[in-house]
Amino acid sequence: MAKQKPLQIHWDPAKAERNQSKYGVSFDEAATVFKDRHAVFSDDEEHSQKERREIVTGMSNRKRLLTCFFARAEGSVQVIAARTATHRERQDYDDEESTKVLYQVK
């Protein structure tokens, strides 16, 4: 089996600061949801006009269930926004029996 490359995660520092103020979630913490083996990934069709955006809901390293909005490009991820998961997102996360791990972060 081929070894996966570590995922590169980046973001705009100004956007990260605004996100922290608005939602109380740092992008550093949000990046840890990609390590959750039970994370639920989906397309963000509503916000994919200029670029393909995706959503991941997963458990952070602080044991908070977060939803992170991101875009992929050439083996990297750009975090766009992150917040605590809504009631519906929590249900989807809890109900998911088999999920796919799309990335491996080391």
PDB file of N, CA and C in Angstrom:
ATOM      1  N   MET A   1       0.839  -1.173   0.000  1.00  0.00           N
ATOM      2  CA  MET A   1       0.000   0.000   0.000  1.00  0.00           C
ATOM      3  C   MET A   1       0.891   1.246   0.000  1.00  0.00           C
ATOM      4  N   ALA A   2       0.584   2.192  -0.867  1.00  0.00           N
ATOM      5  CA  ALA A   2       1.380   3.410  -0.979  1.00  0.00           C
ATOM      6  C   ALA A   2       1.158   4.302   0.237  1.00  0.00           C
ATOM      7  N   LYS A   3       2.233   4.923   0.662  1.00  0.00           N
ATOM      8  CA  LYS A   3       2.157   5.834   1.807  1.00  0.00           C
ATOM      9  C   LYS A   3       1.550   7.157   1.355  1.00  0.00           C
ATOM     10  N   GLN A   4       0.574   7.644   2.129  1.00  0.00           N
ATOM     11  CA  GLN A   4      -0.071   8.914   1.795  1.00  0.00           C
ATOM     12  C   GLN A   4       0.803  10.077   2.248  1.00  0.00           C
ATOM     13  N   LYS A   5       0.767  11.141   1.450  1.00  0.00           N
ATOM     14  CA  LYS A   5       1.471  12.366   1.832  1.00  0.00           C
ATOM     15  C   LYS A   5       0.690  13.065   2.934  1.00  0.00           C
ATOM     16  N   PRO A   6       1.398  13.689   3.872  1.00  0.00           N
ATOM     17  CA  PRO A   6       0.677  14.484   4.884  1.00  0.00           C
ATOM     18  C   PRO A   6      -0.074  15.632   4.204  1.00  0.00           C
ATOM     19  N   LEU A   7      -1.233  15.913   4.703  1.00  0.00           N
ATOM     20  CA  LEU A   7      -2.060  16.975   4.148  1.00  0.00           C
ATOM     21  C   LEU A   7      -1.545  18.337   4.594  1.00  0.00           C
ATOM     22  N   GLN A   8      -1.405  19.233   3.649  1.00  0.00           N
ATOM     23  CA  GLN A   8      -1.005  20.602   3.947  1.00  0.00           C
ATOM     24  C   GLN A   8      -2.275  21.427   4.172  1.00  0.00           C
ATOM     25  N   ILE A   9      -2.364  22.091   5.322  1.00  0.00           N
ATOM     26  CA  ILE A   9      -3.542  22.894   5.645  1.00  0.00           C
ATOM     27  C   ILE A   9      -3.095  24.336   5.848  1.00  0.00           C
ATOM     28  N   HIS A  10      -3.770  25.253   5.175  1.00  0.00           N
ATOM     29  CA  HIS A  10      -3.412  26.672   5.311  1.00  0.00           C
ATOM     30  C   HIS A  10      -4.672  27.523   5.318  1.00  0.00           C
ATOM     31  N   TRP A  11      -4.497  28.818   5.637  1.00  0.00           N
ATOM     32  CA  TRP A  11      -5.621  29.742   5.705  1.00  0.00           C
ATOM     33  C   TRP A  11      -5.112  31.167   5.705  1.00  0.00           C
ATOM     34  N   ASP A  12      -6.026  32.078   5.473  1.00  0.00           N
ATOM     35  CA  ASP A  12      -5.749  33.512   5.519  1.00  0.00           C
ATOM     36  C   ASP A  12      -5.749  33.940   6.987  1.00  0.00           C
ATOM     37  N   PRO A  13      -4.650  34.516   7.487  1.00  0.00           N
ATOM     38  CA  PRO A  13      -4.577  34.906   8.905  1.00  0.00           C
ATOM     39  C   PRO A  13      -5.658  35.907   9.320  1.00  0.00           C
ATOM     40  N   ALA A  14      -5.999  36.847   8.457  1.00  0.00           N
ATOM     41  CA  ALA A  14      -7.037  37.834   8.798  1.00  0.00           C
ATOM     42  C   ALA A  14      -8.398  37.145   8.918  1.00  0.00           C
ATOM     43  N   LYS A  15      -8.672  36.213   8.022  1.00  0.00           N
ATOM     44  CA  LYS A  15      -9.937  35.475   8.070  1.00  0.00           C
ATOM     45  C   LYS A  15      -9.974  34.595   9.324  1.00  0.00           C
ATOM     46  N   ALA A  16      -8.845  34.023   9.686  1.00  0.00           N
ATOM     47  CA  ALA A  16      -8.770  33.190  10.894  1.00  0.00           C
ATOM     48  C   ALA A  16      -9.086  34.017  12.144  1.00  0.00           C
ATOM     49  N   GLU A  17      -8.596  35.229  12.186  1.00  0.00           N
ATOM     50  CA  GLU A  17      -8.856  36.111  13.330  1.00  0.00           C
ATOM     51  C   GLU A  17     -10.342  36.475  13.411  1.00  0.00           C
ATOM     52  N   ARG A  18     -10.944  36.796  12.257  1.00  0.00           N
ATOM     53  CA  ARG A  18     -12.379  37.118  12.238  1.00  0.00           C
ATOM     54  C   ARG A  18     -13.213  35.907  12.654  1.00  0.00           C
ATOM     55  N   ASN A  19     -12.817  34.734  12.203  1.00  0.00           N
ATOM     56  CA  ASN A  19     -13.541  33.507  12.545  1.00  0.00           C
ATOM     57  C   ASN A  19     -13.471  33.247  14.052  1.00  0.00           C
ATOM     58  N   GLN A  20     -12.302  33.438  14.636  1.00  0.00           N
ATOM     59  CA  GLN A  20     -12.124  33.240  16.076  1.00  0.00           C
ATOM     60  C   GLN A  20     -13.028  34.195  16.860  1.00  0.00           C
ATOM     61  N   SER A  21     -13.098  35.437  16.424  1.00  0.00           N
ATOM     62  CA  SER A  21     -13.947  36.422  17.101  1.00  0.00           C
ATOM     63  C   SER A  21     -15.433  36.099  16.947  1.00  0.00           C
ATOM     64  N   LYS A  22     -15.834  35.704  15.750  1.00  0.00           N
ATOM     65  CA  LYS A  22     -17.245  35.472  15.469  1.00  0.00           C
ATOM     66  C   LYS A  22     -17.768  34.152  16.033  1.00  0.00           C
ATOM     67  N   TYR A  23     -16.990  33.076  15.882  1.00  0.00           N
ATOM     68  CA  TYR A  23     -17.473  31.738  16.241  1.00  0.00           C
ATOM     69  C   TYR A  23     -16.761  31.097  17.433  1.00  0.00           C
ATOM     70  N   GLY A  24     -15.669  31.713  17.891  1.00  0.00           N
ATOM     71  CA  GLY A  24     -14.926  31.128  19.006  1.00  0.00           C
ATOM     72  C   GLY A  24     -14.178  29.860  18.636  1.00  0.00           C
ATOM     73  N   VAL A  25     -13.849  29.713  17.355  1.00  0.00           N
ATOM     74  CA  VAL A  25     -13.120  28.538  16.878  1.00  0.00           C
ATOM     75  C   VAL A  25     -11.885  29.004  16.115  1.00  0.00           C
ATOM     76  N   SER A  26     -10.723  28.555  16.547  1.00  0.00           N
ATOM     77  CA  SER A  26      -9.489  28.901  15.836  1.00  0.00           C
ATOM     78  C   SER A  26      -9.313  27.951  14.652  1.00  0.00           C
ATOM     79  N   PHE A  27      -8.648  28.418  13.617  1.00  0.00           N
ATOM     80  CA  PHE A  27      -8.375  27.556  12.476  1.00  0.00           C
ATOM     81  C   PHE A  27      -7.367  26.476  12.854  1.00  0.00           C
ATOM     82  N   ASP A  28      -6.498  26.747  13.825  1.00  0.00           N
ATOM     83  CA  ASP A  28      -5.580  25.707  14.308  1.00  0.00           C
ATOM     84  C   ASP A  28      -6.375  24.520  14.848  1.00  0.00           C
ATOM     85  N   GLU A  29      -7.390  24.806  15.661  1.00  0.00           N
ATOM     86  CA  GLU A  29      -8.233  23.733  16.190  1.00  0.00           C
ATOM     87  C   GLU A  29      -9.043  23.092  15.069  1.00  0.00           C
ATOM     88  N   ALA A  30      -9.604  23.897  14.181  1.00  0.00           N
ATOM     89  CA  ALA A  30     -10.420  23.367  13.083  1.00  0.00           C
ATOM     90  C   ALA A  30      -9.618  22.393  12.219  1.00  0.00           C
ATOM     91  N   ALA A  31      -8.355  22.652  12.029  1.00  0.00           N
ATOM     92  CA  ALA A  31      -7.520  21.772  11.195  1.00  0.00           C
ATOM     93  C   ALA A  31      -7.414  20.371  11.778  1.00  0.00           C
ATOM     94  N   THR A  32      -7.636  20.220  13.062  1.00  0.00           N
ATOM     95  CA  THR A  32      -7.504  18.900  13.686  1.00  0.00           C
ATOM     96  C   THR A  32      -8.671  17.969  13.361  1.00  0.00           C
ATOM     97  N   VAL A  33      -9.786  18.489  12.843  1.00  0.00           N
ATOM     98  CA  VAL A  33     -10.911  17.606  12.508  1.00  0.00           C
ATOM     99  C   VAL A  33     -10.569  16.676  11.349  1.00  0.00           C
ATOM    100  N   PHE A  34      -9.575  17.037  10.541  1.00  0.00           N
ATOM    101  CA  PHE A  34      -9.168  16.181   9.429  1.00  0.00           C
ATOM    102  C   PHE A  34      -8.510  14.891   9.923  1.00  0.00           C
ATOM    103  N   LYS A  35      -8.118  14.851  11.187  1.00  0.00           N
ATOM    104  CA  LYS A  35      -7.521  13.644  11.769  1.00  0.00           C
ATOM    105  C   LYS A  35      -8.571  12.682  12.322  1.00  0.00           C
ATOM    106  N   ASP A  36      -9.808  13.129  12.432  1.00  0.00           N
ATOM    107  CA  ASP A  36     -10.887  12.314  12.990  1.00  0.00           C
ATOM    108  C   ASP A  36     -11.282  11.229  11.987  1.00  0.00           C
ATOM    109  N   ARG A  37     -11.086   9.985  12.358  1.00  0.00           N
ATOM    110  CA  ARG A  37     -11.395   8.862  11.460  1.00  0.00           C
ATOM    111  C   ARG A  37     -12.900   8.716  11.214  1.00  0.00           C
ATOM    112  N   HIS A  38     -13.724   9.368  12.013  1.00  0.00           N
ATOM    113  CA  HIS A  38     -15.169   9.290  11.849  1.00  0.00           C
ATOM    114  C   HIS A  38     -15.754  10.563  11.237  1.00  0.00           C
ATOM    115  N   ALA A  39     -14.889  11.444  10.755  1.00  0.00           N
ATOM    116  CA  ALA A  39     -15.339  12.705  10.175  1.00  0.00           C
ATOM    117  C   ALA A  39     -16.281  12.457   8.998  1.00  0.00           C
ATOM    118  N   VAL A  40     -17.242  13.351   8.852  1.00  0.00           N
ATOM    119  CA  VAL A  40     -18.233  13.259   7.780  1.00  0.00           C
ATOM    120  C   VAL A  40     -17.933  14.367   6.767  1.00  0.00           C
ATOM    121  N   PHE A  41     -17.671  13.978   5.540  1.00  0.00           N
ATOM    122  CA  PHE A  41     -17.360  14.917   4.470  1.00  0.00           C
ATOM    123  C   PHE A  41     -18.558  15.054   3.532  1.00  0.00           C
ATOM    124  N   SER A  42     -18.761  16.271   3.023  1.00  0.00           N
ATOM    125  CA  SER A  42     -19.809  16.493   2.029  1.00  0.00           C
ATOM    126  C   SER A  42     -19.450  17.694   1.162  1.00  0.00           C
ATOM    127  N   ASP A  43     -20.114  17.794   0.020  1.00  0.00           N
ATOM    128  CA  ASP A  43     -19.914  18.946  -0.861  1.00  0.00           C
ATOM    129  C   ASP A  43     -20.701  20.126  -0.331  1.00  0.00           C
ATOM    130  N   ASP A  44     -20.147  21.317  -0.491  1.00  0.00           N
ATOM    131  CA  ASP A  44     -20.835  22.550  -0.115  1.00  0.00           C
ATOM    132  C   ASP A  44     -21.333  23.204  -1.402  1.00  0.00           C
ATOM    133  N   GLU A  45     -22.382  22.644  -1.956  1.00  0.00           N
ATOM    134  CA  GLU A  45     -22.892  23.110  -3.244  1.00  0.00           C
ATOM    135  C   GLU A  45     -23.381  24.546  -3.196  1.00  0.00           C
ATOM    136  N   GLU A  46     -23.899  24.951  -2.051  1.00  0.00           N
ATOM    137  CA  GLU A  46     -24.435  26.304  -1.904  1.00  0.00           C
ATOM    138  C   GLU A  46     -23.366  27.379  -2.074  1.00  0.00           C
ATOM    139  N   HIS A  47     -22.110  27.069  -1.711  1.00  0.00           N
ATOM    140  CA  HIS A  47     -21.043  28.061  -1.765  1.00  0.00           C
ATOM    141  C   HIS A  47     -19.947  27.695  -2.760  1.00  0.00           C
ATOM    142  N   SER A  48     -20.264  26.937  -3.784  1.00  0.00           N
ATOM    143  CA  SER A  48     -19.253  26.472  -4.735  1.00  0.00           C
ATOM    144  C   SER A  48     -19.323  27.172  -6.091  1.00  0.00           C
ATOM    145  N   GLN A  49     -19.726  28.424  -6.126  1.00  0.00           N
ATOM    146  CA  GLN A  49     -19.834  29.123  -7.405  1.00  0.00           C
ATOM    147  C   GLN A  49     -18.460  29.401  -8.027  1.00  0.00           C
ATOM    148  N   LYS A  50     -17.523  29.923  -7.250  1.00  0.00           N
ATOM    149  CA  LYS A  50     -16.210  30.293  -7.785  1.00  0.00           C
ATOM    150  C   LYS A  50     -15.207  29.145  -7.712  1.00  0.00           C
ATOM    151  N   GLU A  51     -15.346  28.302  -6.717  1.00  0.00           N
ATOM    152  CA  GLU A  51     -14.448  27.169  -6.535  1.00  0.00           C
ATOM    153  C   GLU A  51     -15.224  26.055  -5.836  1.00  0.00           C
ATOM    154  N   ARG A  52     -14.768  24.832  -5.981  1.00  0.00           N
ATOM    155  CA  ARG A  52     -15.438  23.711  -5.321  1.00  0.00           C
ATOM    156  C   ARG A  52     -15.110  23.748  -3.832  1.00  0.00           C
ATOM    157  N   ARG A  53     -16.157  23.843  -3.036  1.00  0.00           N
ATOM    158  CA  ARG A  53     -15.981  23.871  -1.588  1.00  0.00           C
ATOM    159  C   ARG A  53     -16.579  22.618  -0.969  1.00  0.00           C
ATOM    160  N   GLU A  54     -16.005  22.244   0.151  1.00  0.00           N
ATOM    161  CA  GLU A  54     -16.457  21.062   0.856  1.00  0.00           C
ATOM    162  C   GLU A  54     -16.630  21.378   2.337  1.00  0.00           C
ATOM    163  N   ILE A  55     -17.302  20.460   3.016  1.00  0.00           N
ATOM    164  CA  ILE A  55     -17.572  20.604   4.444  1.00  0.00           C
ATOM    165  C   ILE A  55     -17.111  19.332   5.137  1.00  0.00           C
ATOM    166  N   VAL A  56     -16.489  19.474   6.278  1.00  0.00           N
ATOM    167  CA  VAL A  56     -16.162  18.319   7.105  1.00  0.00           C
ATOM    168  C   VAL A  56     -16.651  18.601   8.522  1.00  0.00           C
ATOM    169  N   THR A  57     -17.319  17.620   9.114  1.00  0.00           N
ATOM    170  CA  THR A  57     -17.726  17.702  10.511  1.00  0.00           C
ATOM    171  C   THR A  57     -16.983  16.599  11.243  1.00  0.00           C
ATOM    172  N   GLY A  58     -16.249  16.999  12.265  1.00  0.00           N
ATOM    173  CA  GLY A  58     -15.459  16.025  13.005  1.00  0.00           C
ATOM    174  C   GLY A  58     -15.087  16.529  14.385  1.00  0.00           C
ATOM    175  N   MET A  59     -14.538  15.615  15.167  1.00  0.00           N
ATOM    176  CA  MET A  59     -14.128  15.927  16.539  1.00  0.00           C
ATOM    177  C   MET A  59     -12.741  16.575  16.516  1.00  0.00           C
ATOM    178  N   SER A  60     -12.626  17.707  17.200  1.00  0.00           N
ATOM    179  CA  SER A  60     -11.347  18.411  17.253  1.00  0.00           C
ATOM    180  C   SER A  60     -10.473  17.827  18.358  1.00  0.00           C
ATOM    181  N   ASN A  61      -9.247  18.296  18.420  1.00  0.00           N
ATOM    182  CA  ASN A  61      -8.330  17.851  19.469  1.00  0.00           C
ATOM    183  C   ASN A  61      -8.767  18.348  20.848  1.00  0.00           C
ATOM    184  N   ARG A  62      -9.701  19.284  20.896  1.00  0.00           N
ATOM    185  CA  ARG A  62     -10.256  19.777  22.165  1.00  0.00           C
ATOM    186  C   ARG A  62     -11.587  19.105  22.495  1.00  0.00           C
ATOM    187  N   LYS A  63     -11.896  18.034  21.763  1.00  0.00           N
ATOM    188  CA  LYS A  63     -13.117  17.247  21.978  1.00  0.00           C
ATOM    189  C   LYS A  63     -14.387  18.060  21.732  1.00  0.00           C
ATOM    190  N   ARG A  64     -14.313  18.969  20.750  1.00  0.00           N
ATOM    191  CA  ARG A  64     -15.489  19.717  20.327  1.00  0.00           C
ATOM    192  C   ARG A  64     -15.840  19.256  18.918  1.00  0.00           C
ATOM    193  N   LEU A  65     -17.131  19.079  18.665  1.00  0.00           N
ATOM    194  CA  LEU A  65     -17.566  18.696  17.321  1.00  0.00           C
ATOM    195  C   LEU A  65     -17.666  19.978  16.493  1.00  0.00           C
ATOM    196  N   LEU A  66     -16.824  20.068  15.472  1.00  0.00           N
ATOM    197  CA  LEU A  66     -16.739  21.273  14.644  1.00  0.00           C
ATOM    198  C   LEU A  66     -17.120  20.974  13.209  1.00  0.00           C
ATOM    199  N   THR A  67     -17.611  21.997  12.531  1.00  0.00           N
ATOM    200  CA  THR A  67     -17.854  21.941  11.098  1.00  0.00           C
ATOM    201  C   THR A  67     -16.903  22.934  10.450  1.00  0.00           C
ATOM    202  N   CYS A  68     -16.143  22.440   9.490  1.00  0.00           N
ATOM    203  CA  CYS A  68     -15.112  23.240   8.827  1.00  0.00           C
ATOM    204  C   CYS A  68     -15.430  23.290   7.334  1.00  0.00           C
ATOM    205  N   PHE A  69     -15.404  24.485   6.778  1.00  0.00           N
ATOM    206  CA  PHE A  69     -15.639  24.708   5.355  1.00  0.00           C
ATOM    207  C   PHE A  69     -14.281  24.927   4.707  1.00  0.00           C
ATOM    208  N   PHE A  70     -14.024  24.225   3.579  1.00  0.00           N
ATOM    209  CA  PHE A  70     -12.687  24.288   2.993  1.00  0.00           C
ATOM    210  C   PHE A  70     -12.727  24.071   1.488  1.00  0.00           C
ATOM    211  N   ALA A  71     -11.609  24.387   0.848  1.00  0.00           N
ATOM    212  CA  ALA A  71     -11.422  24.131  -0.580  1.00  0.00           C
ATOM    213  C   ALA A  71     -10.118  23.366  -0.737  1.00  0.00           C
ATOM    214  N   ARG A  72     -10.095  22.423  -1.678  1.00  0.00           N
ATOM    215  CA  ARG A  72      -8.891  21.637  -1.941  1.00  0.00           C
ATOM    216  C   ARG A  72      -8.199  22.140  -3.191  1.00  0.00           C
ATOM    217  N   ALA A  73      -6.866  22.036  -3.179  1.00  0.00           N
ATOM    218  CA  ALA A  73      -6.080  22.381  -4.361  1.00  0.00           C
ATOM    219  C   ALA A  73      -4.731  21.680  -4.279  1.00  0.00           C
ATOM    220  N   GLU A  74      -4.479  20.783  -5.216  1.00  0.00           N
ATOM    221  CA  GLU A  74      -3.188  20.115  -5.369  1.00  0.00           C
ATOM    222  C   GLU A  74      -2.622  19.584  -4.048  1.00  0.00           C
ATOM    223  N   GLY A  75      -3.366  18.748  -3.370  1.00  0.00           N
ATOM    224  CA  GLY A  75      -2.871  18.110  -2.163  1.00  0.00           C
ATOM    225  C   GLY A  75      -2.883  18.968  -0.916  1.00  0.00           C
ATOM    226  N   SER A  76      -3.501  20.125  -0.988  1.00  0.00           N
ATOM    227  CA  SER A  76      -3.588  20.973   0.195  1.00  0.00           C
ATOM    228  C   SER A  76      -5.043  21.395   0.414  1.00  0.00           C
ATOM    229  N   VAL A  77      -5.285  21.908   1.591  1.00  0.00           N
ATOM    230  CA  VAL A  77      -6.621  22.357   1.978  1.00  0.00           C
ATOM    231  C   VAL A  77      -6.522  23.788   2.462  1.00  0.00           C
ATOM    232  N   GLN A  78      -7.429  24.637   1.990  1.00  0.00           N
ATOM    233  CA  GLN A  78      -7.524  25.995   2.503  1.00  0.00           C
ATOM    234  C   GLN A  78      -8.785  26.082   3.344  1.00  0.00           C
ATOM    235  N   VAL A  79      -8.597  26.357   4.634  1.00  0.00           N
ATOM    236  CA  VAL A  79      -9.727  26.511   5.538  1.00  0.00           C
ATOM    237  C   VAL A  79     -10.380  27.860   5.249  1.00  0.00           C
ATOM    238  N   ILE A  80     -11.692  27.850   5.091  1.00  0.00           N
ATOM    239  CA  ILE A  80     -12.439  29.066   4.776  1.00  0.00           C
ATOM    240  C   ILE A  80     -13.187  29.574   6.005  1.00  0.00           C
ATOM    241  N   ALA A  81     -13.785  28.657   6.761  1.00  0.00           N
ATOM    242  CA  ALA A  81     -14.520  29.019   7.976  1.00  0.00           C
ATOM    243  C   ALA A  81     -14.673  27.774   8.839  1.00  0.00           C
ATOM    244  N   ALA A  82     -14.931  27.991  10.126  1.00  0.00           N
ATOM    245  CA  ALA A  82     -15.157  26.873  11.047  1.00  0.00           C
ATOM    246  C   ALA A  82     -16.016  27.358  12.207  1.00  0.00           C
ATOM    247  N   ARG A  83     -16.857  26.455  12.693  1.00  0.00           N
ATOM    248  CA  ARG A  83     -17.742  26.778  13.815  1.00  0.00           C
ATOM    249  C   ARG A  83     -18.118  25.478  14.503  1.00  0.00           C
ATOM    250  N   THR A  84     -18.782  25.593  15.656  1.00  0.00           N
ATOM    251  CA  THR A  84     -19.281  24.383  16.302  1.00  0.00           C
ATOM    252  C   THR A  84     -20.411  23.819  15.442  1.00  0.00           C
ATOM    253  N   ALA A  85     -20.564  22.522  15.479  1.00  0.00           N
ATOM    254  CA  ALA A  85     -21.563  21.848  14.652  1.00  0.00           C
ATOM    255  C   ALA A  85     -22.974  22.170  15.128  1.00  0.00           C
ATOM    256  N   THR A  86     -23.889  22.259  14.175  1.00  0.00           N
ATOM    257  CA  THR A  86     -25.300  22.464  14.487  1.00  0.00           C
ATOM    258  C   THR A  86     -25.902  21.145  14.984  1.00  0.00           C
ATOM    259  N   HIS A  87     -27.128  21.226  15.472  1.00  0.00           N
ATOM    260  CA  HIS A  87     -27.827  20.034  15.933  1.00  0.00           C
ATOM    261  C   HIS A  87     -27.907  18.987  14.816  1.00  0.00           C
ATOM    262  N   ARG A  88     -28.275  19.413  13.626  1.00  0.00           N
ATOM    263  CA  ARG A  88     -28.396  18.495  12.477  1.00  0.00           C
ATOM    264  C   ARG A  88     -27.043  17.874  12.124  1.00  0.00           C
ATOM    265  N   GLU A  89     -25.981  18.675  12.145  1.00  0.00           N
ATOM    266  CA  GLU A  89     -24.643  18.157  11.837  1.00  0.00           C
ATOM    267  C   GLU A  89     -24.199  17.149  12.894  1.00  0.00           C
ATOM    268  N   ARG A  90     -24.570  17.397  14.155  1.00  0.00           N
ATOM    269  CA  ARG A  90     -24.266  16.432  15.228  1.00  0.00           C
ATOM    270  C   ARG A  90     -24.986  15.116  14.983  1.00  0.00           C
ATOM    271  N   GLN A  91     -26.245  15.199  14.568  1.00  0.00           N
ATOM    272  CA  GLN A  91     -27.010  13.986  14.268  1.00  0.00           C
ATOM    273  C   GLN A  91     -26.373  13.208  13.118  1.00  0.00           C
ATOM    274  N   ASP A  92     -25.995  13.916  12.061  1.00  0.00           N
ATOM    275  CA  ASP A  92     -25.359  13.266  10.910  1.00  0.00           C
ATOM    276  C   ASP A  92     -24.057  12.591  11.325  1.00  0.00           C
ATOM    277  N   TYR A  93     -23.290  13.254  12.178  1.00  0.00           N
ATOM    278  CA  TYR A  93     -22.021  12.701  12.652  1.00  0.00           C
ATOM    279  C   TYR A  93     -22.279  11.440  13.486  1.00  0.00           C
ATOM    280  N   ASP A  94     -23.245  11.521  14.385  1.00  0.00           N
ATOM    281  CA  ASP A  94     -23.555  10.383  15.256  1.00  0.00           C
ATOM    282  C   ASP A  94     -24.171   9.219  14.479  1.00  0.00           C
ATOM    283  N   ASP A  95     -24.942   9.517  13.426  1.00  0.00           N
ATOM    284  CA  ASP A  95     -25.622   8.487  12.655  1.00  0.00           C
ATOM    285  C   ASP A  95     -24.721   7.800  11.625  1.00  0.00           C
ATOM    286  N   GLU A  96     -23.636   8.429  11.287  1.00  0.00           N
ATOM    287  CA  GLU A  96     -22.758   7.893  10.249  1.00  0.00           C
ATOM    288  C   GLU A  96     -22.089   6.611  10.741  1.00  0.00           C
ATOM    289  N   GLU A  97     -22.384   5.515  10.086  1.00  0.00           N
ATOM    290  CA  GLU A  97     -21.822   4.227  10.509  1.00  0.00           C
ATOM    291  C   GLU A  97     -20.496   3.934   9.833  1.00  0.00           C
ATOM    292  N   SER A  98     -20.380   4.291   8.575  1.00  0.00           N
ATOM    293  CA  SER A  98     -19.117   4.051   7.877  1.00  0.00           C
ATOM    294  C   SER A  98     -18.767   5.307   7.092  1.00  0.00           C
ATOM    295  N   THR A  99     -17.618   5.866   7.402  1.00  0.00           N
ATOM    296  CA  THR A  99     -17.171   7.069   6.719  1.00  0.00           C
ATOM    297  C   THR A  99     -15.864   6.798   6.019  1.00  0.00           C
ATOM    298  N   LYS A 100     -15.567   7.641   5.057  1.00  0.00           N
ATOM    299  CA  LYS A 100     -14.318   7.522   4.327  1.00  0.00           C
ATOM    300  C   LYS A 100     -13.320   8.541   4.881  1.00  0.00           C
ATOM    301  N   VAL A 101     -12.091   8.116   5.033  1.00  0.00           N
ATOM    302  CA  VAL A 101     -11.035   9.052   5.388  1.00  0.00           C
ATOM    303  C   VAL A 101     -10.425   9.503   4.075  1.00  0.00           C
ATOM    304  N   LEU A 102     -10.591  10.773   3.742  1.00  0.00           N
ATOM    305  CA  LEU A 102     -10.074  11.277   2.481  1.00  0.00           C
ATOM    306  C   LEU A 102      -8.635  11.748   2.597  1.00  0.00           C
ATOM    307  N   TYR A 103      -8.224  12.116   3.797  1.00  0.00           N
ATOM    308  CA  TYR A 103      -6.893  12.659   3.985  1.00  0.00           C
ATOM    309  C   TYR A 103      -6.269  12.040   5.233  1.00  0.00           C
ATOM    310  N   GLN A 104      -4.963  11.995   5.232  1.00  0.00           N
ATOM    311  CA  GLN A 104      -4.263  11.565   6.420  1.00  0.00           C
ATOM    312  C   GLN A 104      -3.335  12.708   6.814  1.00  0.00           C
ATOM    313  N   VAL A 105      -3.526  13.229   8.014  1.00  0.00           N
ATOM    314  CA  VAL A 105      -2.702  14.328   8.508  1.00  0.00           C
ATOM    315  C   VAL A 105      -1.789  13.773   9.567  1.00  0.00           C
ATOM    316  N   LYS A 106      -0.519  14.083   9.439  1.00  0.00           N
ATOM    317  CA  LYS A 106       0.454  13.609  10.446  1.00  0.00           C
ATOM    318  C   LYS A 106       0.992  14.754  11.250  1.00  0.00           C
TER     319      LYS A 106
END
